[in-house]
Amino acid sequence: GTLYAKLNRREEALAMFLGALERDPSQLGVRYNLALQYRHLGRAAEAEEALQQVLRLDPGHQRAAITLARVRLDAGHAEDVPPLLDGLVARTKRPREGAFLALAQAYRALKRPQDAHRTLARALEVHPRSEPLLTEVAALLAESPDLGPLPVPQAPASAPAPAPASPPSSGASAPGA
C-alpha cells in the first residue's frame, strides 16, 4: 500500500491497506495510512473515522491527532482542534511542528490571537527554524499587530566563539603607549 501511495495511486493504496486490515485489524500504521488515503481522496468522513480508531487504540499517536486536526480544520471545525492538540502539545517534550501549526491556525480561525501567539512562542522554542511556523507568525502578526513580536529563537549553544585576531605587530608602539 505504501508504494502505491508514494506513486499517488491512491485507490490501489486504499485497497491494499483495507486488505491488510482485514487480515490484522490491530495494525495501527496500516490504519493510519488508510486514513491518509481517504483524506487524499477527499473522503473526509472515512478519514476521520479511521483516525479516531487509531486514537482510541493509541491516544498518544501524534501524527493521527495532527491529521485529525487538519481534517477538522479543512471541514471548517476549528473549535474541535484545541481539545485534540492542546493536551498533546502540553504533555509532549518535543511536539511535532504540525501540532503547533494546526493549533495556531485553529486559534486564529477562532479569533483567539493570544492563544495563537502563546502556541507559536512555544513552537519556536522547539522548532526555531521552521518556515511554516515562521509564516504562521507573520500571518498572525499581520492580523493582530498589537500582540507584539515573538521572542527571536536562539541558535543552540555551541563552542565559544574564537577570540578576535590581534592586529599584526609592526614593531612600533601604539600612540600614547
N, C-alpha and C. Protein backbone atom coordinates (compact mmCIF):
# COMPACT_ATOMS: atom_id res chain seq x y z
N GLY A 1 0.80 -1.19 0.00
CA GLY A 1 0.00 0.00 0.00
C GLY A 1 0.85 1.27 0.00
N THR A 2 1.94 1.23 0.76
CA THR A 2 2.79 2.41 0.86
C THR A 2 3.40 2.77 -0.47
N LEU A 3 3.82 1.77 -1.24
CA LEU A 3 4.40 2.04 -2.55
C LEU A 3 3.37 2.70 -3.47
N TYR A 4 2.16 2.18 -3.48
CA TYR A 4 1.10 2.80 -4.30
C TYR A 4 0.84 4.23 -3.84
N ALA A 5 0.87 4.47 -2.53
CA ALA A 5 0.64 5.82 -2.02
C ALA A 5 1.74 6.76 -2.50
N LYS A 6 2.99 6.30 -2.45
CA LYS A 6 4.10 7.14 -2.91
C LYS A 6 4.00 7.44 -4.40
N LEU A 7 3.38 6.55 -5.15
CA LEU A 7 3.20 6.76 -6.58
C LEU A 7 1.90 7.52 -6.90
N ASN A 8 1.23 7.99 -5.84
CA ASN A 8 -0.05 8.69 -5.98
C ASN A 8 -1.13 7.83 -6.62
N ARG A 9 -1.03 6.54 -6.43
CA ARG A 9 -2.07 5.62 -6.91
C ARG A 9 -2.94 5.31 -5.70
N ARG A 10 -3.73 6.30 -5.34
CA ARG A 10 -4.47 6.28 -4.08
C ARG A 10 -5.49 5.15 -3.97
N GLU A 11 -6.22 4.88 -5.03
CA GLU A 11 -7.24 3.82 -4.97
C GLU A 11 -6.58 2.46 -4.72
N GLU A 12 -5.45 2.20 -5.41
CA GLU A 12 -4.74 0.93 -5.20
C GLU A 12 -4.18 0.85 -3.78
N ALA A 13 -3.66 1.98 -3.29
CA ALA A 13 -3.13 2.02 -1.93
C ALA A 13 -4.25 1.73 -0.93
N LEU A 14 -5.40 2.36 -1.16
CA LEU A 14 -6.55 2.16 -0.30
C LEU A 14 -6.94 0.69 -0.25
N ALA A 15 -7.01 0.04 -1.41
CA ALA A 15 -7.37 -1.38 -1.46
C ALA A 15 -6.35 -2.23 -0.70
N MET A 16 -5.08 -1.91 -0.84
CA MET A 16 -4.04 -2.68 -0.14
C MET A 16 -4.17 -2.51 1.37
N PHE A 17 -4.37 -1.28 1.82
CA PHE A 17 -4.49 -1.05 3.26
C PHE A 17 -5.76 -1.70 3.82
N LEU A 18 -6.85 -1.64 3.08
CA LEU A 18 -8.08 -2.31 3.54
C LEU A 18 -7.87 -3.82 3.65
N GLY A 19 -7.18 -4.40 2.66
CA GLY A 19 -6.89 -5.83 2.70
C GLY A 19 -6.02 -6.20 3.89
N ALA A 20 -5.02 -5.37 4.18
CA ALA A 20 -4.14 -5.64 5.32
C ALA A 20 -4.91 -5.56 6.63
N LEU A 21 -5.84 -4.62 6.73
CA LEU A 21 -6.64 -4.52 7.96
C LEU A 21 -7.61 -5.68 8.12
N GLU A 22 -8.09 -6.22 7.01
CA GLU A 22 -8.96 -7.40 7.10
C GLU A 22 -8.18 -8.57 7.70
N ARG A 23 -6.91 -8.68 7.32
CA ARG A 23 -6.08 -9.76 7.85
C ARG A 23 -5.66 -9.53 9.29
N ASP A 24 -5.40 -8.27 9.64
CA ASP A 24 -4.96 -7.95 11.01
C ASP A 24 -5.43 -6.55 11.38
N PRO A 25 -6.60 -6.44 12.02
CA PRO A 25 -7.17 -5.13 12.34
C PRO A 25 -6.40 -4.34 13.39
N SER A 26 -5.42 -4.95 14.04
CA SER A 26 -4.70 -4.26 15.11
C SER A 26 -3.52 -3.41 14.61
N GLN A 27 -3.27 -3.40 13.31
CA GLN A 27 -2.12 -2.67 12.77
C GLN A 27 -2.40 -1.16 12.72
N LEU A 28 -1.85 -0.44 13.69
CA LEU A 28 -2.09 1.00 13.76
C LEU A 28 -1.51 1.74 12.56
N GLY A 29 -0.31 1.35 12.13
CA GLY A 29 0.31 2.03 11.00
C GLY A 29 -0.52 1.88 9.73
N VAL A 30 -1.06 0.72 9.53
CA VAL A 30 -1.90 0.48 8.36
C VAL A 30 -3.17 1.31 8.45
N ARG A 31 -3.77 1.34 9.63
CA ARG A 31 -5.00 2.13 9.82
C ARG A 31 -4.72 3.62 9.60
N TYR A 32 -3.57 4.09 10.10
CA TYR A 32 -3.20 5.49 9.90
C TYR A 32 -3.00 5.78 8.40
N ASN A 33 -2.30 4.90 7.71
CA ASN A 33 -2.09 5.08 6.27
C ASN A 33 -3.40 5.01 5.49
N LEU A 34 -4.31 4.19 5.93
CA LEU A 34 -5.64 4.13 5.33
C LEU A 34 -6.32 5.49 5.45
N ALA A 35 -6.23 6.08 6.64
CA ALA A 35 -6.82 7.41 6.87
C ALA A 35 -6.21 8.45 5.94
N LEU A 36 -4.90 8.37 5.73
CA LEU A 36 -4.24 9.32 4.83
C LEU A 36 -4.78 9.18 3.40
N GLN A 37 -4.99 7.95 2.98
CA GLN A 37 -5.51 7.74 1.62
C GLN A 37 -6.92 8.29 1.49
N TYR A 38 -7.74 8.03 2.50
CA TYR A 38 -9.10 8.59 2.48
C TYR A 38 -9.03 10.12 2.38
N ARG A 39 -8.14 10.72 3.16
CA ARG A 39 -8.02 12.18 3.14
C ARG A 39 -7.59 12.67 1.75
N HIS A 40 -6.59 12.02 1.17
CA HIS A 40 -6.12 12.43 -0.15
C HIS A 40 -7.20 12.26 -1.22
N LEU A 41 -8.08 11.32 -1.01
CA LEU A 41 -9.16 11.08 -1.96
C LEU A 41 -10.38 11.97 -1.69
N GLY A 42 -10.28 12.82 -0.68
CA GLY A 42 -11.40 13.72 -0.37
C GLY A 42 -12.52 13.06 0.40
N ARG A 43 -12.24 11.93 1.01
CA ARG A 43 -13.26 11.20 1.76
C ARG A 43 -13.06 11.48 3.25
N ALA A 44 -13.39 12.71 3.65
CA ALA A 44 -13.08 13.20 4.98
C ALA A 44 -13.74 12.39 6.09
N ALA A 45 -14.98 12.01 5.92
CA ALA A 45 -15.68 11.27 6.98
C ALA A 45 -14.99 9.93 7.26
N GLU A 46 -14.58 9.25 6.19
CA GLU A 46 -13.89 7.97 6.38
C GLU A 46 -12.50 8.17 6.96
N ALA A 47 -11.84 9.25 6.55
CA ALA A 47 -10.52 9.57 7.12
C ALA A 47 -10.66 9.83 8.61
N GLU A 48 -11.67 10.62 8.97
CA GLU A 48 -11.89 10.95 10.37
C GLU A 48 -12.17 9.70 11.20
N GLU A 49 -13.00 8.81 10.69
CA GLU A 49 -13.31 7.57 11.42
C GLU A 49 -12.06 6.73 11.63
N ALA A 50 -11.25 6.58 10.59
CA ALA A 50 -10.01 5.78 10.72
C ALA A 50 -9.05 6.43 11.71
N LEU A 51 -8.95 7.75 11.69
CA LEU A 51 -8.07 8.45 12.63
C LEU A 51 -8.56 8.32 14.06
N GLN A 52 -9.87 8.40 14.25
CA GLN A 52 -10.43 8.22 15.60
C GLN A 52 -10.18 6.80 16.11
N GLN A 53 -10.22 5.82 15.21
CA GLN A 53 -9.92 4.44 15.61
C GLN A 53 -8.45 4.33 16.06
N VAL A 54 -7.55 4.97 15.32
CA VAL A 54 -6.13 4.96 15.71
C VAL A 54 -5.99 5.57 17.10
N LEU A 55 -6.64 6.71 17.32
CA LEU A 55 -6.51 7.40 18.60
C LEU A 55 -7.17 6.65 19.75
N ARG A 56 -8.22 5.88 19.45
CA ARG A 56 -8.81 5.03 20.50
C ARG A 56 -7.82 3.95 20.92
N LEU A 57 -7.08 3.41 19.95
CA LEU A 57 -6.11 2.35 20.25
C LEU A 57 -4.81 2.91 20.82
N ASP A 58 -4.43 4.13 20.41
CA ASP A 58 -3.20 4.77 20.88
C ASP A 58 -3.44 6.26 21.01
N PRO A 59 -3.93 6.70 22.19
CA PRO A 59 -4.25 8.12 22.38
C PRO A 59 -3.05 9.06 22.20
N GLY A 60 -1.84 8.53 22.27
CA GLY A 60 -0.64 9.36 22.12
C GLY A 60 -0.10 9.41 20.70
N HIS A 61 -0.84 8.90 19.74
CA HIS A 61 -0.36 8.86 18.34
C HIS A 61 -0.40 10.28 17.77
N GLN A 62 0.76 10.98 17.82
CA GLN A 62 0.81 12.39 17.41
C GLN A 62 0.36 12.61 15.97
N ARG A 63 0.87 11.80 15.07
CA ARG A 63 0.53 12.01 13.65
C ARG A 63 -0.97 11.86 13.41
N ALA A 64 -1.60 10.91 14.08
CA ALA A 64 -3.05 10.74 13.90
C ALA A 64 -3.81 11.94 14.47
N ALA A 65 -3.39 12.43 15.63
CA ALA A 65 -4.05 13.59 16.22
C ALA A 65 -3.89 14.82 15.33
N ILE A 66 -2.69 15.01 14.80
CA ILE A 66 -2.44 16.16 13.92
C ILE A 66 -3.26 16.05 12.64
N THR A 67 -3.28 14.86 12.06
CA THR A 67 -4.04 14.67 10.81
C THR A 67 -5.53 14.86 11.06
N LEU A 68 -6.03 14.35 12.17
CA LEU A 68 -7.44 14.56 12.51
C LEU A 68 -7.72 16.05 12.69
N ALA A 69 -6.81 16.76 13.33
CA ALA A 69 -6.97 18.21 13.48
C ALA A 69 -7.02 18.89 12.11
N ARG A 70 -6.19 18.47 11.18
CA ARG A 70 -6.19 19.04 9.82
C ARG A 70 -7.52 18.75 9.12
N VAL A 71 -8.03 17.54 9.29
CA VAL A 71 -9.32 17.17 8.68
C VAL A 71 -10.42 18.07 9.25
N ARG A 72 -10.40 18.28 10.55
CA ARG A 72 -11.43 19.12 11.17
C ARG A 72 -11.28 20.58 10.73
N LEU A 73 -10.03 21.07 10.62
CA LEU A 73 -9.81 22.43 10.12
C LEU A 73 -10.32 22.57 8.70
N ASP A 74 -9.99 21.58 7.86
CA ASP A 74 -10.42 21.62 6.46
C ASP A 74 -11.95 21.64 6.35
N ALA A 75 -12.61 21.02 7.31
CA ALA A 75 -14.08 20.97 7.30
C ALA A 75 -14.71 22.21 7.94
N GLY A 76 -13.85 23.14 8.39
CA GLY A 76 -14.37 24.36 9.00
C GLY A 76 -14.74 24.22 10.46
N HIS A 77 -14.17 23.22 11.12
CA HIS A 77 -14.49 22.97 12.53
C HIS A 77 -13.28 23.23 13.41
N ALA A 78 -12.79 24.47 13.38
CA ALA A 78 -11.62 24.85 14.18
C ALA A 78 -11.85 24.62 15.67
N GLU A 79 -13.09 24.69 16.11
CA GLU A 79 -13.39 24.50 17.53
C GLU A 79 -13.03 23.10 18.03
N ASP A 80 -12.92 22.13 17.13
CA ASP A 80 -12.57 20.77 17.52
C ASP A 80 -11.07 20.57 17.72
N VAL A 81 -10.26 21.52 17.25
CA VAL A 81 -8.81 21.32 17.25
C VAL A 81 -8.16 21.51 18.63
N PRO A 82 -8.47 22.59 19.38
CA PRO A 82 -7.81 22.72 20.68
C PRO A 82 -7.98 21.52 21.61
N PRO A 83 -9.19 20.93 21.72
CA PRO A 83 -9.29 19.75 22.58
C PRO A 83 -8.41 18.58 22.10
N LEU A 84 -8.19 18.51 20.79
CA LEU A 84 -7.35 17.43 20.23
C LEU A 84 -5.87 17.65 20.51
N LEU A 85 -5.43 18.91 20.39
CA LEU A 85 -3.99 19.16 20.37
C LEU A 85 -3.42 19.88 21.59
N ASP A 86 -4.22 20.61 22.33
CA ASP A 86 -3.68 21.34 23.49
C ASP A 86 -2.97 20.40 24.46
N GLY A 87 -3.62 19.32 24.82
CA GLY A 87 -3.01 18.37 25.75
C GLY A 87 -1.78 17.72 25.18
N LEU A 88 -1.83 17.36 23.92
CA LEU A 88 -0.68 16.74 23.26
C LEU A 88 0.52 17.68 23.30
N VAL A 89 0.31 18.94 22.97
CA VAL A 89 1.40 19.92 22.97
C VAL A 89 1.92 20.13 24.39
N ALA A 90 1.02 20.14 25.37
CA ALA A 90 1.43 20.38 26.76
C ALA A 90 2.21 19.22 27.36
N ARG A 91 1.84 17.99 27.02
CA ARG A 91 2.45 16.84 27.70
C ARG A 91 3.61 16.21 26.93
N THR A 92 3.87 16.68 25.71
CA THR A 92 4.91 16.09 24.89
C THR A 92 6.14 16.97 24.94
N LYS A 93 7.29 16.36 25.19
CA LYS A 93 8.52 17.13 25.30
C LYS A 93 8.85 17.87 24.00
N ARG A 94 8.72 17.19 22.89
CA ARG A 94 9.03 17.80 21.59
C ARG A 94 7.90 17.51 20.61
N PRO A 95 6.79 18.25 20.74
CA PRO A 95 5.67 18.02 19.81
C PRO A 95 6.08 18.29 18.37
N ARG A 96 5.44 17.62 17.46
CA ARG A 96 5.71 17.82 16.04
C ARG A 96 5.30 19.23 15.62
N GLU A 97 6.02 19.73 14.64
CA GLU A 97 5.74 21.04 14.07
C GLU A 97 4.27 21.17 13.65
N GLY A 98 3.73 20.11 13.05
CA GLY A 98 2.35 20.14 12.57
C GLY A 98 1.33 20.32 13.68
N ALA A 99 1.64 19.85 14.90
CA ALA A 99 0.72 20.03 16.02
C ALA A 99 0.62 21.52 16.36
N PHE A 100 1.76 22.17 16.46
CA PHE A 100 1.76 23.60 16.75
C PHE A 100 1.07 24.38 15.64
N LEU A 101 1.37 24.02 14.41
CA LEU A 101 0.83 24.75 13.26
C LEU A 101 -0.70 24.66 13.22
N ALA A 102 -1.23 23.45 13.33
CA ALA A 102 -2.69 23.26 13.30
C ALA A 102 -3.35 23.96 14.48
N LEU A 103 -2.72 23.89 15.65
CA LEU A 103 -3.30 24.54 16.83
C LEU A 103 -3.31 26.06 16.66
N ALA A 104 -2.23 26.63 16.18
CA ALA A 104 -2.18 28.08 15.97
C ALA A 104 -3.20 28.50 14.91
N GLN A 105 -3.33 27.73 13.86
CA GLN A 105 -4.30 28.05 12.82
C GLN A 105 -5.73 27.97 13.35
N ALA A 106 -5.97 26.99 14.20
CA ALA A 106 -7.31 26.89 14.80
C ALA A 106 -7.59 28.10 15.68
N TYR A 107 -6.64 28.49 16.50
CA TYR A 107 -6.84 29.65 17.35
C TYR A 107 -7.07 30.92 16.52
N ARG A 108 -6.35 31.06 15.42
CA ARG A 108 -6.58 32.22 14.54
C ARG A 108 -8.00 32.18 13.98
N ALA A 109 -8.43 31.00 13.53
CA ALA A 109 -9.78 30.86 12.97
C ALA A 109 -10.85 31.15 14.03
N LEU A 110 -10.53 30.83 15.28
CA LEU A 110 -11.47 31.05 16.38
C LEU A 110 -11.38 32.47 16.95
N LYS A 111 -10.56 33.30 16.34
CA LYS A 111 -10.36 34.69 16.79
C LYS A 111 -9.81 34.73 18.21
N ARG A 112 -8.83 33.86 18.46
CA ARG A 112 -8.15 33.82 19.76
C ARG A 112 -6.65 34.08 19.54
N PRO A 113 -6.30 35.30 19.14
CA PRO A 113 -4.92 35.58 18.77
C PRO A 113 -3.91 35.40 19.91
N GLN A 114 -4.32 35.68 21.16
CA GLN A 114 -3.38 35.50 22.27
C GLN A 114 -2.99 34.03 22.42
N ASP A 115 -3.96 33.14 22.22
CA ASP A 115 -3.66 31.71 22.31
C ASP A 115 -2.77 31.27 21.15
N ALA A 116 -3.01 31.81 19.96
CA ALA A 116 -2.15 31.52 18.81
C ALA A 116 -0.73 32.02 19.08
N HIS A 117 -0.62 33.21 19.66
CA HIS A 117 0.68 33.81 19.98
C HIS A 117 1.44 32.91 20.96
N ARG A 118 0.76 32.49 22.02
CA ARG A 118 1.37 31.62 23.04
C ARG A 118 1.83 30.30 22.40
N THR A 119 0.98 29.74 21.55
CA THR A 119 1.30 28.47 20.89
C THR A 119 2.53 28.63 20.00
N LEU A 120 2.57 29.70 19.24
CA LEU A 120 3.70 29.91 18.33
C LEU A 120 4.99 30.22 19.08
N ALA A 121 4.89 30.92 20.21
CA ALA A 121 6.09 31.17 21.02
C ALA A 121 6.70 29.84 21.47
N ARG A 122 5.86 28.93 21.96
CA ARG A 122 6.36 27.61 22.37
C ARG A 122 6.88 26.83 21.17
N ALA A 123 6.18 26.93 20.04
CA ALA A 123 6.58 26.21 18.84
C ALA A 123 7.98 26.61 18.40
N LEU A 124 8.26 27.91 18.46
CA LEU A 124 9.58 28.38 18.02
C LEU A 124 10.69 28.01 18.99
N GLU A 125 10.34 27.73 20.24
CA GLU A 125 11.34 27.20 21.18
C GLU A 125 11.78 25.81 20.74
N VAL A 126 10.82 25.04 20.22
CA VAL A 126 11.08 23.65 19.83
C VAL A 126 11.58 23.55 18.40
N HIS A 127 11.03 24.37 17.52
CA HIS A 127 11.36 24.33 16.08
C HIS A 127 11.75 25.74 15.61
N PRO A 128 12.92 26.24 16.02
CA PRO A 128 13.26 27.64 15.77
C PRO A 128 13.43 28.03 14.31
N ARG A 129 13.67 27.10 13.44
CA ARG A 129 13.91 27.44 12.04
C ARG A 129 12.80 26.94 11.10
N SER A 130 11.64 26.67 11.64
CA SER A 130 10.54 26.13 10.85
C SER A 130 9.91 27.21 9.98
N GLU A 131 10.05 27.07 8.68
CA GLU A 131 9.44 28.05 7.77
C GLU A 131 7.92 28.10 7.90
N PRO A 132 7.22 26.95 7.97
CA PRO A 132 5.76 27.04 8.13
C PRO A 132 5.35 27.77 9.41
N LEU A 133 6.08 27.56 10.50
CA LEU A 133 5.75 28.24 11.74
C LEU A 133 6.05 29.74 11.64
N LEU A 134 7.18 30.08 11.03
CA LEU A 134 7.52 31.50 10.86
C LEU A 134 6.51 32.19 9.95
N THR A 135 6.02 31.48 8.94
CA THR A 135 4.98 32.03 8.07
C THR A 135 3.69 32.26 8.86
N GLU A 136 3.38 31.34 9.73
CA GLU A 136 2.18 31.48 10.58
C GLU A 136 2.34 32.66 11.53
N VAL A 137 3.54 32.86 12.07
CA VAL A 137 3.81 34.02 12.93
C VAL A 137 3.53 35.30 12.15
N ALA A 138 4.05 35.37 10.92
CA ALA A 138 3.85 36.57 10.09
C ALA A 138 2.36 36.82 9.85
N ALA A 139 1.61 35.76 9.56
CA ALA A 139 0.17 35.91 9.32
C ALA A 139 -0.54 36.39 10.59
N LEU A 140 -0.17 35.83 11.73
CA LEU A 140 -0.79 36.24 12.99
C LEU A 140 -0.49 37.70 13.29
N LEU A 141 0.76 38.10 13.13
CA LEU A 141 1.13 39.48 13.46
C LEU A 141 0.53 40.47 12.46
N ALA A 142 0.30 40.03 11.22
CA ALA A 142 -0.37 40.90 10.25
C ALA A 142 -1.83 41.13 10.66
N GLU A 143 -2.46 40.11 11.22
CA GLU A 143 -3.86 40.22 11.67
C GLU A 143 -3.98 40.95 13.00
N SER A 144 -2.98 40.74 13.86
CA SER A 144 -3.04 41.27 15.22
C SER A 144 -1.72 41.93 15.60
N PRO A 145 -1.40 43.08 15.00
CA PRO A 145 -0.11 43.71 15.26
C PRO A 145 0.08 44.15 16.71
N ASP A 146 -1.01 44.32 17.44
CA ASP A 146 -0.93 44.73 18.84
C ASP A 146 -0.35 43.65 19.75
N LEU A 147 -0.21 42.42 19.25
CA LEU A 147 0.33 41.33 20.07
C LEU A 147 1.81 41.53 20.36
N GLY A 148 2.49 42.23 19.49
CA GLY A 148 3.93 42.42 19.68
C GLY A 148 4.69 41.23 19.14
N PRO A 149 5.98 41.40 19.01
CA PRO A 149 6.79 40.34 18.41
C PRO A 149 6.93 39.13 19.33
N LEU A 150 7.22 38.03 18.71
CA LEU A 150 7.54 36.82 19.47
C LEU A 150 9.03 36.86 19.77
N PRO A 151 9.46 36.16 20.81
CA PRO A 151 10.89 36.10 21.08
C PRO A 151 11.63 35.50 19.88
N VAL A 152 12.76 36.06 19.58
CA VAL A 152 13.57 35.56 18.47
C VAL A 152 14.22 34.26 18.91
N PRO A 153 14.02 33.18 18.15
CA PRO A 153 14.65 31.91 18.53
C PRO A 153 16.17 32.05 18.51
N GLN A 154 16.80 31.45 19.49
CA GLN A 154 18.25 31.48 19.57
C GLN A 154 18.82 30.20 18.98
N ALA A 155 19.95 30.32 18.34
CA ALA A 155 20.64 29.13 17.83
C ALA A 155 21.12 28.33 19.03
N PRO A 156 21.19 27.01 18.89
CA PRO A 156 21.66 26.19 20.01
C PRO A 156 23.07 26.61 20.40
N ALA A 157 23.34 26.52 21.69
CA ALA A 157 24.67 26.87 22.19
C ALA A 157 25.71 25.93 21.58
N SER A 158 26.82 26.51 21.23
CA SER A 158 27.90 25.69 20.67
C SER A 158 29.20 26.12 21.33
N ALA A 159 30.31 25.74 20.73
CA ALA A 159 31.61 26.09 21.28
C ALA A 159 31.74 27.61 21.30
N PRO A 160 32.49 28.14 22.30
CA PRO A 160 32.65 29.58 22.36
C PRO A 160 33.30 30.11 21.09
N ALA A 161 32.92 31.34 20.74
CA ALA A 161 33.49 31.96 19.55
C ALA A 161 34.97 32.22 19.77
N PRO A 162 35.76 32.09 18.72
CA PRO A 162 37.19 32.35 18.89
C PRO A 162 37.42 33.83 19.21
N ALA A 163 38.50 34.09 19.94
CA ALA A 163 38.85 35.47 20.29
C ALA A 163 39.21 36.20 19.01
N PRO A 164 38.91 37.50 18.96
CA PRO A 164 39.26 38.25 17.76
C PRO A 164 40.77 38.24 17.55
N ALA A 165 41.15 38.21 16.30
CA ALA A 165 42.58 38.18 15.98
C ALA A 165 43.21 39.51 16.36
N SER A 166 44.42 39.43 16.88
CA SER A 166 45.16 40.65 17.21
C SER A 166 45.68 41.27 15.93
N PRO A 167 45.72 42.59 15.88
CA PRO A 167 46.28 43.21 14.68
C PRO A 167 47.75 42.83 14.56
N PRO A 168 48.24 42.71 13.34
CA PRO A 168 49.64 42.34 13.17
C PRO A 168 50.54 43.38 13.82
N SER A 169 51.61 42.90 14.40
CA SER A 169 52.56 43.78 15.07
C SER A 169 53.50 44.40 14.04
N SER A 170 53.63 45.72 14.12
CA SER A 170 54.53 46.39 13.19
C SER A 170 55.83 46.77 13.85
N GLY A 171 55.94 46.45 15.09
CA GLY A 171 57.16 46.79 15.82
C GLY A 171 57.09 48.18 16.42
N ALA A 172 56.18 49.02 15.94
CA ALA A 172 56.03 50.35 16.50
C ALA A 172 55.05 50.30 17.64
N SER A 173 55.24 51.15 18.59
CA SER A 173 54.31 51.16 19.70
C SER A 173 53.10 51.99 19.32
N ALA A 174 51.99 51.66 19.97
CA ALA A 174 50.75 52.38 19.70
C ALA A 174 50.88 53.80 20.25
N PRO A 175 50.16 54.74 19.62
CA PRO A 175 50.23 56.11 20.13
C PRO A 175 49.82 56.18 21.58
N GLY A 176 50.51 56.94 22.35
CA GLY A 176 50.20 57.10 23.75
C GLY A 176 50.72 55.98 24.60
N ALA A 177 51.49 55.06 24.03
CA ALA A 177 51.97 53.93 24.85
C ALA A 177 53.35 54.21 25.37
